[in-house]
Amino acid sequence: FAGASVAALFLDKFVGEDIDWAHFDTFAWRPAAKPGRPKG
């Protein structure tokens, strides 16, 4: 269940208390080309 949220909660355990933190779970890949955005 909620795999992305649970993974983020795991990371949250290692970030210091009260620190402003943001986490991007990104794909870093484009499976099909779009104008200006090639495949890869």
Full PDB file with SEQRES, HELIX, SHEET, SSBOND, CRYST1, ORIGX, SCALE, CONECT and MASTER records, all heavy atoms in Angstrom:
SEQRES   1 A   40  PHE ALA GLY ALA SER VAL ALA ALA LEU PHE LEU ASP LYS          
SEQRES   2 A   40  PHE VAL GLY GLU ASP ILE ASP TRP ALA HIS PHE ASP THR          
SEQRES   3 A   40  PHE ALA TRP ARG PRO ALA ALA LYS PRO GLY ARG PRO LYS          
SEQRES   4 A   40  GLY                                                          
HELIX    1 AA1 GLY A    3  ASP A   12  1                                  10    
CRYST1    1.000    1.000    1.000  90.00  90.00  90.00 P 1           1          
ORIGX1      1.000000  0.000000  0.000000        0.00000                         
ORIGX2      0.000000  1.000000  0.000000        0.00000                         
ORIGX3      0.000000  0.000000  1.000000        0.00000                         
SCALE1      1.000000  0.000000  0.000000        0.00000                         
SCALE2      0.000000  1.000000  0.000000        0.00000                         
SCALE3      0.000000  0.000000  1.000000        0.00000                         
ATOM      1  N   PHE A   1       0.832  -1.208   0.000  1.00  0.00           N  
ATOM      2  CA  PHE A   1       0.000   0.000   0.000  1.00  0.00           C  
ATOM      3  C   PHE A   1       0.871   1.264   0.000  1.00  0.00           C  
ATOM      4  O   PHE A   1       1.907   1.316   0.667  1.00  0.00           O  
ATOM      5  CB  PHE A   1      -0.901   0.036   1.230  1.00  0.00           C  
ATOM      6  CG  PHE A   1      -1.938  -1.043   1.283  1.00  0.00           C  
ATOM      7  CD1 PHE A   1      -2.332  -1.590   2.491  1.00  0.00           C  
ATOM      8  CD2 PHE A   1      -2.545  -1.514   0.127  1.00  0.00           C  
ATOM      9  CE1 PHE A   1      -3.300  -2.589   2.545  1.00  0.00           C  
ATOM     10  CE2 PHE A   1      -3.504  -2.514   0.162  1.00  0.00           C  
ATOM     11  CZ  PHE A   1      -3.883  -3.052   1.380  1.00  0.00           C  
ATOM     12  N   ALA A   2       0.433   2.303  -0.712  1.00  0.00           N  
ATOM     13  CA  ALA A   2       1.017   3.659  -0.633  1.00  0.00           C  
ATOM     14  C   ALA A   2       2.539   3.621  -0.670  1.00  0.00           C  
ATOM     15  O   ALA A   2       3.214   4.261   0.143  1.00  0.00           O  
ATOM     16  CB  ALA A   2       0.520   4.367   0.629  1.00  0.00           C  
ATOM     17  N   GLY A   3       3.085   2.893  -1.645  1.00  0.00           N  
ATOM     18  CA  GLY A   3       4.522   2.659  -1.661  1.00  0.00           C  
ATOM     19  C   GLY A   3       5.360   3.916  -1.700  1.00  0.00           C  
ATOM     20  O   GLY A   3       6.412   3.995  -1.050  1.00  0.00           O  
ATOM     21  N   ALA A   4       4.947   4.931  -2.458  1.00  0.00           N  
ATOM     22  CA  ALA A   4       5.732   6.160  -2.537  1.00  0.00           C  
ATOM     23  C   ALA A   4       5.698   6.916  -1.217  1.00  0.00           C  
ATOM     24  O   ALA A   4       6.726   7.449  -0.760  1.00  0.00           O  
ATOM     25  CB  ALA A   4       5.211   7.038  -3.675  1.00  0.00           C  
ATOM     26  N   SER A   5       4.545   6.966  -0.580  1.00  0.00           N  
ATOM     27  CA  SER A   5       4.432   7.658   0.710  1.00  0.00           C  
ATOM     28  C   SER A   5       5.216   6.939   1.796  1.00  0.00           C  
ATOM     29  O   SER A   5       5.878   7.568   2.632  1.00  0.00           O  
ATOM     30  CB  SER A   5       2.959   7.778   1.123  1.00  0.00           C  
ATOM     31  OG  SER A   5       2.274   8.714   0.329  1.00  0.00           O  
ATOM     32  N   VAL A   6       5.155   5.615   1.805  1.00  0.00           N  
ATOM     33  CA  VAL A   6       5.878   4.859   2.828  1.00  0.00           C  
ATOM     34  C   VAL A   6       7.385   5.019   2.643  1.00  0.00           C  
ATOM     35  O   VAL A   6       8.132   5.164   3.623  1.00  0.00           O  
ATOM     36  CB  VAL A   6       5.465   3.376   2.790  1.00  0.00           C  
ATOM     37  CG1 VAL A   6       6.314   2.547   3.735  1.00  0.00           C  
ATOM     38  CG2 VAL A   6       3.991   3.234   3.151  1.00  0.00           C  
ATOM     39  N   ALA A   7       7.861   5.015   1.403  1.00  0.00           N  
ATOM     40  CA  ALA A   7       9.284   5.244   1.159  1.00  0.00           C  
ATOM     41  C   ALA A   7       9.692   6.636   1.634  1.00  0.00           C  
ATOM     42  O   ALA A   7      10.769   6.811   2.233  1.00  0.00           O  
ATOM     43  CB  ALA A   7       9.588   5.088  -0.328  1.00  0.00           C  
ATOM     44  N   ALA A   8       8.850   7.636   1.391  1.00  0.00           N  
ATOM     45  CA  ALA A   8       9.145   8.990   1.859  1.00  0.00           C  
ATOM     46  C   ALA A   8       9.157   9.054   3.381  1.00  0.00           C  
ATOM     47  O   ALA A   8       9.978   9.760   3.980  1.00  0.00           O  
ATOM     48  CB  ALA A   8       8.134   9.971   1.283  1.00  0.00           C  
ATOM     49  N   LEU A   9       8.264   8.318   4.030  1.00  0.00           N  
ATOM     50  CA  LEU A   9       8.244   8.281   5.498  1.00  0.00           C  
ATOM     51  C   LEU A   9       9.508   7.624   6.051  1.00  0.00           C  
ATOM     52  O   LEU A   9       9.993   8.000   7.118  1.00  0.00           O  
ATOM     53  CB  LEU A   9       7.003   7.537   5.988  1.00  0.00           C  
ATOM     54  CG  LEU A   9       5.685   8.299   5.826  1.00  0.00           C  
ATOM     55  CD1 LEU A   9       4.498   7.368   6.014  1.00  0.00           C  
ATOM     56  CD2 LEU A   9       5.608   9.471   6.811  1.00  0.00           C  
ATOM     57  N   PHE A  10      10.045   6.640   5.327  1.00  0.00           N  
ATOM     58  CA  PHE A  10      11.324   6.059   5.730  1.00  0.00           C  
ATOM     59  C   PHE A  10      12.416   7.123   5.683  1.00  0.00           C  
ATOM     60  O   PHE A  10      13.198   7.271   6.630  1.00  0.00           O  
ATOM     61  CB  PHE A  10      11.677   4.883   4.817  1.00  0.00           C  
ATOM     62  CG  PHE A  10      12.988   4.232   5.160  1.00  0.00           C  
ATOM     63  CD1 PHE A  10      13.048   3.196   6.078  1.00  0.00           C  
ATOM     64  CD2 PHE A  10      14.166   4.649   4.554  1.00  0.00           C  
ATOM     65  CE1 PHE A  10      14.266   2.600   6.402  1.00  0.00           C  
ATOM     66  CE2 PHE A  10      15.382   4.059   4.865  1.00  0.00           C  
ATOM     67  CZ  PHE A  10      15.431   3.035   5.793  1.00  0.00           C  
ATOM     68  N   LEU A  11      12.474   7.888   4.595  1.00  0.00           N  
ATOM     69  CA  LEU A  11      13.471   8.948   4.486  1.00  0.00           C  
ATOM     70  C   LEU A  11      13.298   9.990   5.583  1.00  0.00           C  
ATOM     71  O   LEU A  11      14.289  10.509   6.129  1.00  0.00           O  
ATOM     72  CB  LEU A  11      13.384   9.621   3.118  1.00  0.00           C  
ATOM     73  CG  LEU A  11      13.638   8.762   1.883  1.00  0.00           C  
ATOM     74  CD1 LEU A  11      13.544   9.612   0.625  1.00  0.00           C  
ATOM     75  CD2 LEU A  11      14.984   8.060   1.958  1.00  0.00           C  
ATOM     76  N   ASP A  12      12.067  10.288   5.908  1.00  0.00           N  
ATOM     77  CA  ASP A  12      11.763  11.301   6.923  1.00  0.00           C  
ATOM     78  C   ASP A  12      12.423  10.970   8.263  1.00  0.00           C  
ATOM     79  O   ASP A  12      12.769  11.874   9.031  1.00  0.00           O  
ATOM     80  CB  ASP A  12      10.249  11.421   7.075  1.00  0.00           C  
ATOM     81  CG  ASP A  12       9.829  12.518   8.031  1.00  0.00           C  
ATOM     82  OD1 ASP A  12       9.954  13.694   7.651  1.00  0.00           O  
ATOM     83  OD2 ASP A  12       9.404  12.196   9.163  1.00  0.00           O  
ATOM     84  N   LYS A  13      12.609   9.692   8.545  1.00  0.00           N  
ATOM     85  CA  LYS A  13      13.236   9.283   9.798  1.00  0.00           C  
ATOM     86  C   LYS A  13      14.680   9.772   9.909  1.00  0.00           C  
ATOM     87  O   LYS A  13      15.231   9.881  11.016  1.00  0.00           O  
ATOM     88  CB  LYS A  13      13.232   7.756   9.919  1.00  0.00           C  
ATOM     89  CG  LYS A  13      11.859   7.106  10.049  1.00  0.00           C  
ATOM     90  CD  LYS A  13      11.979   5.584  10.023  1.00  0.00           C  
ATOM     91  CE  LYS A  13      10.638   4.897  10.136  1.00  0.00           C  
ATOM     92  NZ  LYS A  13      10.052   5.021  11.489  1.00  0.00           N  
ATOM     93  N   PHE A  14      15.309  10.055   8.767  1.00  0.00           N  
ATOM     94  CA  PHE A  14      16.728  10.404   8.749  1.00  0.00           C  
ATOM     95  C   PHE A  14      16.972  11.896   8.558  1.00  0.00           C  
ATOM     96  O   PHE A  14      18.124  12.340   8.560  1.00  0.00           O  
ATOM     97  CB  PHE A  14      17.442   9.600   7.656  1.00  0.00           C  
ATOM     98  CG  PHE A  14      17.391   8.122   7.900  1.00  0.00           C  
ATOM     99  CD1 PHE A  14      16.337   7.358   7.403  1.00  0.00           C  
ATOM    100  CD2 PHE A  14      18.363   7.498   8.665  1.00  0.00           C  
ATOM    101  CE1 PHE A  14      16.269   5.997   7.655  1.00  0.00           C  
ATOM    102  CE2 PHE A  14      18.297   6.138   8.910  1.00  0.00           C  
ATOM    103  CZ  PHE A  14      17.255   5.387   8.410  1.00  0.00           C  
ATOM    104  N   VAL A  15      15.907  12.664   8.402  1.00  0.00           N  
ATOM    105  CA  VAL A  15      16.016  14.119   8.289  1.00  0.00           C  
ATOM    106  C   VAL A  15      15.856  14.708   9.678  1.00  0.00           C  
ATOM    107  O   VAL A  15      14.943  14.324  10.422  1.00  0.00           O  
ATOM    108  CB  VAL A  15      14.961  14.680   7.335  1.00  0.00           C  
ATOM    109  CG1 VAL A  15      15.072  16.202   7.241  1.00  0.00           C  
ATOM    110  CG2 VAL A  15      15.109  14.066   5.946  1.00  0.00           C  
ATOM    111  N   GLY A  16      16.737  15.624  10.021  1.00  0.00           N  
ATOM    112  CA  GLY A  16      16.703  16.215  11.354  1.00  0.00           C  
ATOM    113  C   GLY A  16      15.368  16.862  11.678  1.00  0.00           C  
ATOM    114  O   GLY A  16      14.654  17.363  10.802  1.00  0.00           O  
ATOM    115  N   GLU A  17      15.054  16.860  12.947  1.00  0.00           N  
ATOM    116  CA  GLU A  17      13.774  17.398  13.416  1.00  0.00           C  
ATOM    117  C   GLU A  17      13.658  18.883  13.063  1.00  0.00           C  
ATOM    118  O   GLU A  17      14.612  19.648  13.183  1.00  0.00           O  
ATOM    119  CB  GLU A  17      13.674  17.216  14.932  1.00  0.00           C  
ATOM    120  CG  GLU A  17      12.316  17.576  15.514  1.00  0.00           C  
ATOM    121  CD  GLU A  17      12.219  17.273  17.002  1.00  0.00           C  
ATOM    122  OE1 GLU A  17      13.191  16.698  17.557  1.00  0.00           O  
ATOM    123  OE2 GLU A  17      11.190  17.612  17.597  1.00  0.00           O  
ATOM    124  N   ASP A  18      12.475  19.255  12.593  1.00  0.00           N  
ATOM    125  CA  ASP A  18      12.128  20.649  12.272  1.00  0.00           C  
ATOM    126  C   ASP A  18      12.891  21.218  11.078  1.00  0.00           C  
ATOM    127  O   ASP A  18      12.837  22.427  10.818  1.00  0.00           O  
ATOM    128  CB  ASP A  18      12.341  21.570  13.485  1.00  0.00           C  
ATOM    129  CG  ASP A  18      11.455  21.194  14.667  1.00  0.00           C  
ATOM    130  OD1 ASP A  18      10.319  20.744  14.426  1.00  0.00           O  
ATOM    131  OD2 ASP A  18      11.902  21.336  15.822  1.00  0.00           O  
ATOM    132  N   ILE A  19      13.601  20.397  10.317  1.00  0.00           N  
ATOM    133  CA  ILE A  19      14.277  20.885   9.112  1.00  0.00           C  
ATOM    134  C   ILE A  19      13.287  20.914   7.953  1.00  0.00           C  
ATOM    135  O   ILE A  19      12.511  19.972   7.754  1.00  0.00           O  
ATOM    136  CB  ILE A  19      15.488  19.996   8.771  1.00  0.00           C  
ATOM    137  CG1 ILE A  19      16.584  20.152   9.819  1.00  0.00           C  
ATOM    138  CG2 ILE A  19      16.040  20.335   7.382  1.00  0.00           C  
ATOM    139  CD1 ILE A  19      17.778  19.247   9.608  1.00  0.00           C  
ATOM    140  N   ASP A  20      13.308  21.992   7.206  1.00  0.00           N  
ATOM    141  CA  ASP A  20      12.472  22.123   6.009  1.00  0.00           C  
ATOM    142  C   ASP A  20      13.046  21.192   4.936  1.00  0.00           C  
ATOM    143  O   ASP A  20      14.202  21.354   4.511  1.00  0.00           O  
ATOM    144  CB  ASP A  20      12.496  23.578   5.541  1.00  0.00           C  
ATOM    145  CG  ASP A  20      11.510  23.863   4.419  1.00  0.00           C  
ATOM    146  OD1 ASP A  20      10.706  22.973   4.086  1.00  0.00           O  
ATOM    147  OD2 ASP A  20      11.553  24.989   3.890  1.00  0.00           O  
ATOM    148  N   TRP A  21      12.234  20.227   4.486  1.00  0.00           N  
ATOM    149  CA  TRP A  21      12.725  19.169   3.593  1.00  0.00           C  
ATOM    150  C   TRP A  21      11.694  18.867   2.520  1.00  0.00           C  
ATOM    151  O   TRP A  21      10.486  18.804   2.796  1.00  0.00           O  
ATOM    152  CB  TRP A  21      13.033  17.911   4.407  1.00  0.00           C  
ATOM    153  CG  TRP A  21      13.213  16.651   3.613  1.00  0.00           C  
ATOM    154  CD1 TRP A  21      14.165  16.392   2.678  1.00  0.00           C  
ATOM    155  CD2 TRP A  21      12.391  15.471   3.690  1.00  0.00           C  
ATOM    156  NE1 TRP A  21      14.001  15.113   2.168  1.00  0.00           N  
ATOM    157  CE2 TRP A  21      12.929  14.531   2.775  1.00  0.00           C  
ATOM    158  CE3 TRP A  21      11.278  15.115   4.447  1.00  0.00           C  
ATOM    159  CZ2 TRP A  21      12.366  13.269   2.591  1.00  0.00           C  
ATOM    160  CZ3 TRP A  21      10.717  13.862   4.274  1.00  0.00           C  
ATOM    161  CH2 TRP A  21      11.271  12.950   3.354  1.00  0.00           C  
ATOM    162  N   ALA A  22      12.173  18.690   1.297  1.00  0.00           N  
ATOM    163  CA  ALA A  22      11.316  18.265   0.192  1.00  0.00           C  
ATOM    164  C   ALA A  22      11.979  17.098  -0.515  1.00  0.00           C  
ATOM    165  O   ALA A  22      13.207  17.051  -0.650  1.00  0.00           O  
ATOM    166  CB  ALA A  22      11.073  19.402  -0.789  1.00  0.00           C  
ATOM    167  N   HIS A  23      11.156  16.168  -0.978  1.00  0.00           N  
ATOM    168  CA  HIS A  23      11.646  14.942  -1.627  1.00  0.00           C  
ATOM    169  C   HIS A  23      10.918  14.769  -2.954  1.00  0.00           C  
ATOM    170  O   HIS A  23       9.682  14.809  -3.004  1.00  0.00           O  
ATOM    171  CB  HIS A  23      11.385  13.761  -0.694  1.00  0.00           C  
ATOM    172  CG  HIS A  23      11.357  12.419  -1.354  1.00  0.00           C  
ATOM    173  ND1 HIS A  23      12.417  11.920  -2.082  1.00  0.00           N  
ATOM    174  CD2 HIS A  23      10.381  11.457  -1.399  1.00  0.00           C  
ATOM    175  CE1 HIS A  23      12.105  10.702  -2.529  1.00  0.00           C  
ATOM    176  NE2 HIS A  23      10.881  10.410  -2.143  1.00  0.00           N  
ATOM    177  N   PHE A  24      11.694  14.601  -4.033  1.00  0.00           N  
ATOM    178  CA  PHE A  24      11.137  14.333  -5.354  1.00  0.00           C  
ATOM    179  C   PHE A  24      11.365  12.862  -5.705  1.00  0.00           C  
ATOM    180  O   PHE A  24      12.510  12.414  -5.806  1.00  0.00           O  
ATOM    181  CB  PHE A  24      11.811  15.196  -6.424  1.00  0.00           C  
ATOM    182  CG  PHE A  24      11.380  16.629  -6.448  1.00  0.00           C  
ATOM    183  CD1 PHE A  24      12.100  17.601  -5.775  1.00  0.00           C  
ATOM    184  CD2 PHE A  24      10.247  17.019  -7.149  1.00  0.00           C  
ATOM    185  CE1 PHE A  24      11.711  18.927  -5.799  1.00  0.00           C  
ATOM    186  CE2 PHE A  24       9.847  18.333  -7.179  1.00  0.00           C  
ATOM    187  CZ  PHE A  24      10.581  19.293  -6.502  1.00  0.00           C  
ATOM    188  N   ASP A  25      10.290  12.126  -5.896  1.00  0.00           N  
ATOM    189  CA  ASP A  25      10.354  10.764  -6.423  1.00  0.00           C  
ATOM    190  C   ASP A  25      10.112  10.881  -7.923  1.00  0.00           C  
ATOM    191  O   ASP A  25       8.970  10.959  -8.388  1.00  0.00           O  
ATOM    192  CB  ASP A  25       9.293   9.897  -5.745  1.00  0.00           C  
ATOM    193  CG  ASP A  25       9.440   8.410  -6.058  1.00  0.00           C  
ATOM    194  OD1 ASP A  25      10.034   8.085  -7.095  1.00  0.00           O  
ATOM    195  OD2 ASP A  25       8.935   7.591  -5.274  1.00  0.00           O  
ATOM    196  N   THR A  26      11.198  10.948  -8.682  1.00  0.00           N  
ATOM    197  CA  THR A  26      11.119  11.260 -10.116  1.00  0.00           C  
ATOM    198  C   THR A  26      11.447  10.038 -10.959  1.00  0.00           C  
ATOM    199  O   THR A  26      12.116   9.115 -10.491  1.00  0.00           O  
ATOM    200  CB  THR A  26      12.076  12.419 -10.454  1.00  0.00           C  
ATOM    201  OG1 THR A  26      11.899  12.815 -11.812  1.00  0.00           O  
ATOM    202  CG2 THR A  26      13.533  12.033 -10.234  1.00  0.00           C  
ATOM    203  N   PHE A  27      10.979  10.024 -12.187  1.00  0.00           N  
ATOM    204  CA  PHE A  27      11.235   8.899 -13.085  1.00  0.00           C  
ATOM    205  C   PHE A  27      12.543   9.079 -13.850  1.00  0.00           C  
ATOM    206  O   PHE A  27      13.224   8.118 -14.188  1.00  0.00           O  
ATOM    207  CB  PHE A  27      10.062   8.744 -14.060  1.00  0.00           C  
ATOM    208  CG  PHE A  27      10.035   7.445 -14.816  1.00  0.00           C  
ATOM    209  CD1 PHE A  27      10.247   6.236 -14.187  1.00  0.00           C  
ATOM    210  CD2 PHE A  27       9.774   7.430 -16.177  1.00  0.00           C  
ATOM    211  CE1 PHE A  27      10.203   5.034 -14.880  1.00  0.00           C  
ATOM    212  CE2 PHE A  27       9.721   6.236 -16.889  1.00  0.00           C  
ATOM    213  CZ  PHE A  27       9.940   5.039 -16.239  1.00  0.00           C  
ATOM    214  N   ALA A  28      12.879  10.330 -14.170  1.00  0.00           N  
ATOM    215  CA  ALA A  28      14.120  10.678 -14.887  1.00  0.00           C  
ATOM    216  C   ALA A  28      14.212  10.042 -16.270  1.00  0.00           C  
ATOM    217  O   ALA A  28      15.303   9.885 -16.811  1.00  0.00           O  
ATOM    218  CB  ALA A  28      15.352  10.297 -14.051  1.00  0.00           C  
ATOM    219  N   TRP A  29      13.071   9.715 -16.840  1.00  0.00           N  
ATOM    220  CA  TRP A  29      13.074   9.033 -18.143  1.00  0.00           C  
ATOM    221  C   TRP A  29      11.799   9.391 -18.882  1.00  0.00           C  
ATOM    222  O   TRP A  29      10.725   9.504 -18.286  1.00  0.00           O  
ATOM    223  CB  TRP A  29      13.133   7.524 -17.937  1.00  0.00           C  
ATOM    224  CG  TRP A  29      13.348   6.740 -19.206  1.00  0.00           C  
ATOM    225  CD1 TRP A  29      12.386   6.146 -19.977  1.00  0.00           C  
ATOM    226  CD2 TRP A  29      14.594   6.457 -19.845  1.00  0.00           C  
ATOM    227  NE1 TRP A  29      12.960   5.517 -21.052  1.00  0.00           N  
ATOM    228  CE2 TRP A  29      14.315   5.688 -21.000  1.00  0.00           C  
ATOM    229  CE3 TRP A  29      15.920   6.770 -19.545  1.00  0.00           C  
ATOM    230  CZ2 TRP A  29      15.327   5.241 -21.848  1.00  0.00           C  
ATOM    231  CZ3 TRP A  29      16.916   6.333 -20.388  1.00  0.00           C  
ATOM    232  CH2 TRP A  29      16.613   5.569 -21.528  1.00  0.00           C  
ATOM    233  N   ARG A  30      11.926   9.567 -20.198  1.00  0.00           N  
ATOM    234  CA  ARG A  30      10.757   9.815 -21.030  1.00  0.00           C  
ATOM    235  C   ARG A  30      10.599   8.641 -21.990  1.00  0.00           C  
ATOM    236  O   ARG A  30      11.435   8.441 -22.873  1.00  0.00           O  
ATOM    237  CB  ARG A  30      10.924  11.119 -21.807  1.00  0.00           C  
ATOM    238  CG  ARG A  30       9.633  11.604 -22.461  1.00  0.00           C  
ATOM    239  CD  ARG A  30       9.772  13.030 -22.918  1.00  0.00           C  
ATOM    240  NE  ARG A  30      10.072  13.942 -21.827  1.00  0.00           N  
ATOM    241  CZ  ARG A  30       9.188  14.369 -20.942  1.00  0.00           C  
ATOM    242  NH1 ARG A  30       7.928  13.976 -21.027  1.00  0.00           N  
ATOM    243  NH2 ARG A  30       9.545  15.198 -19.977  1.00  0.00           N  
ATOM    244  N   PRO A  31       9.549   7.830 -21.826  1.00  0.00           N  
ATOM    245  CA  PRO A  31       9.399   6.639 -22.663  1.00  0.00           C  
ATOM    246  C   PRO A  31       9.002   6.933 -24.093  1.00  0.00           C  
ATOM    247  O   PRO A  31       9.162   6.072 -24.968  1.00  0.00           O  
ATOM    248  CB  PRO A  31       8.316   5.838 -21.941  1.00  0.00           C  
ATOM    249  CG  PRO A  31       7.573   6.825 -21.119  1.00  0.00           C  
ATOM    250  CD  PRO A  31       8.542   7.898 -20.749  1.00  0.00           C  
ATOM    251  N   ALA A  32       8.464   8.125 -24.360  1.00  0.00           N  
ATOM    252  CA  ALA A  32       8.083   8.503 -25.730  1.00  0.00           C  
ATOM    253  C   ALA A  32       8.411   9.973 -25.929  1.00  0.00           C  
ATOM    254  O   ALA A  32       8.263  10.790 -25.017  1.00  0.00           O  
ATOM    255  CB  ALA A  32       6.599   8.253 -25.961  1.00  0.00           C  
ATOM    256  N   ALA A  33       8.851  10.311 -27.122  1.00  0.00           N  
ATOM    257  CA  ALA A  33       9.263  11.686 -27.407  1.00  0.00           C  
ATOM    258  C   ALA A  33       8.073  12.621 -27.511  1.00  0.00           C  
ATOM    259  O   ALA A  33       6.986  12.243 -27.966  1.00  0.00           O  
ATOM    260  CB  ALA A  33      10.061  11.728 -28.703  1.00  0.00           C  
ATOM    261  N   LYS A  34       8.280  13.869 -27.065  1.00  0.00           N  
ATOM    262  CA  LYS A  34       7.368  14.981 -27.267  1.00  0.00           C  
ATOM    263  C   LYS A  34       8.197  16.161 -27.761  1.00  0.00           C  
ATOM    264  O   LYS A  34       9.422  16.162 -27.604  1.00  0.00           O  
ATOM    265  CB  LYS A  34       6.653  15.348 -25.960  1.00  0.00           C  
ATOM    266  CG  LYS A  34       5.757  14.251 -25.395  1.00  0.00           C  
ATOM    267  CD  LYS A  34       5.077  14.712 -24.121  1.00  0.00           C  
ATOM    268  CE  LYS A  34       4.170  13.627 -23.543  1.00  0.00           C  
ATOM    269  NZ  LYS A  34       3.500  14.068 -22.297  1.00  0.00           N  
ATOM    270  N   PRO A  35       7.582  17.164 -28.393  1.00  0.00           N  
ATOM    271  CA  PRO A  35       8.378  18.294 -28.879  1.00  0.00           C  
ATOM    272  C   PRO A  35       9.255  18.887 -27.773  1.00  0.00           C  
ATOM    273  O   PRO A  35       8.773  19.230 -26.697  1.00  0.00           O  
ATOM    274  CB  PRO A  35       7.320  19.287 -29.352  1.00  0.00           C  
ATOM    275  CG  PRO A  35       6.185  18.410 -29.790  1.00  0.00           C  
ATOM    276  CD  PRO A  35       6.164  17.288 -28.799  1.00  0.00           C  
ATOM    277  N   GLY A  36      10.550  18.957 -28.034  1.00  0.00           N  
ATOM    278  CA  GLY A  36      11.490  19.497 -27.066  1.00  0.00           C  
ATOM    279  C   GLY A  36      11.904  18.536 -25.984  1.00  0.00           C  
ATOM    280  O   GLY A  36      12.742  18.868 -25.136  1.00  0.00           O  
ATOM    281  N   ARG A  37      11.315  17.338 -25.986  1.00  0.00           N  
ATOM    282  CA  ARG A  37      11.559  16.359 -24.921  1.00  0.00           C  
ATOM    283  C   ARG A  37      11.778  14.986 -25.553  1.00  0.00           C  
ATOM    284  O   ARG A  37      10.836  14.200 -25.671  1.00  0.00           O  
ATOM    285  CB  ARG A  37      10.370  16.341 -23.963  1.00  0.00           C  
ATOM    286  CG  ARG A  37      10.209  17.617 -23.151  1.00  0.00           C  
ATOM    287  CD  ARG A  37       8.780  17.912 -22.789  1.00  0.00           C  
ATOM    288  NE  ARG A  37       8.009  18.354 -23.954  1.00  0.00           N  
ATOM    289  CZ  ARG A  37       6.726  18.683 -23.914  1.00  0.00           C  
ATOM    290  NH1 ARG A  37       6.055  18.610 -22.775  1.00  0.00           N  
ATOM    291  NH2 ARG A  37       6.101  19.077 -25.004  1.00  0.00           N  
ATOM    292  N   PRO A  38      13.015  14.689 -25.965  1.00  0.00           N  
ATOM    293  CA  PRO A  38      13.267  13.428 -26.666  1.00  0.00           C  
ATOM    294  C   PRO A  38      13.114  12.226 -25.748  1.00  0.00           C  
ATOM    295  O   PRO A  38      13.174  12.335 -24.520  1.00  0.00           O  
ATOM    296  CB  PRO A  38      14.704  13.580 -27.151  1.00  0.00           C  
ATOM    297  CG  PRO A  38      15.314  14.571 -26.221  1.00  0.00           C  
ATOM    298  CD  PRO A  38      14.220  15.508 -25.845  1.00  0.00           C  
ATOM    299  N   LYS A  39      12.926  11.078 -26.360  1.00  0.00           N  
ATOM    300  CA  LYS A  39      12.878   9.826 -25.618  1.00  0.00           C  
ATOM    301  C   LYS A  39      14.214   9.600 -24.920  1.00  0.00           C  
ATOM    302  O   LYS A  39      15.278   9.862 -25.458  1.00  0.00           O  
ATOM    303  CB  LYS A  39      12.586   8.665 -26.568  1.00  0.00           C  
ATOM    304  CG  LYS A  39      12.515   7.304 -25.900  1.00  0.00           C  
ATOM    305  CD  LYS A  39      12.231   6.209 -26.919  1.00  0.00           C  
ATOM    306  CE  LYS A  39      12.205   4.837 -26.272  1.00  0.00           C  
ATOM    307  NZ  LYS A  39      11.939   3.754 -27.253  1.00  0.00           N  
ATOM    308  N   GLY A  40      14.151   9.080 -23.686  1.00  0.00           N  
ATOM    309  CA  GLY A  40      15.366   8.784 -22.947  1.00  0.00           C  
ATOM    310  C   GLY A  40      15.432   9.559 -21.655  1.00  0.00           C  
ATOM    311  O   GLY A  40      14.403   9.952 -21.089  1.00  0.00           O  
TER     312      GLY A  40                                                      
MASTER        0    0    0    1    0    0    0    6  311    1    0    4          
END                                                                             
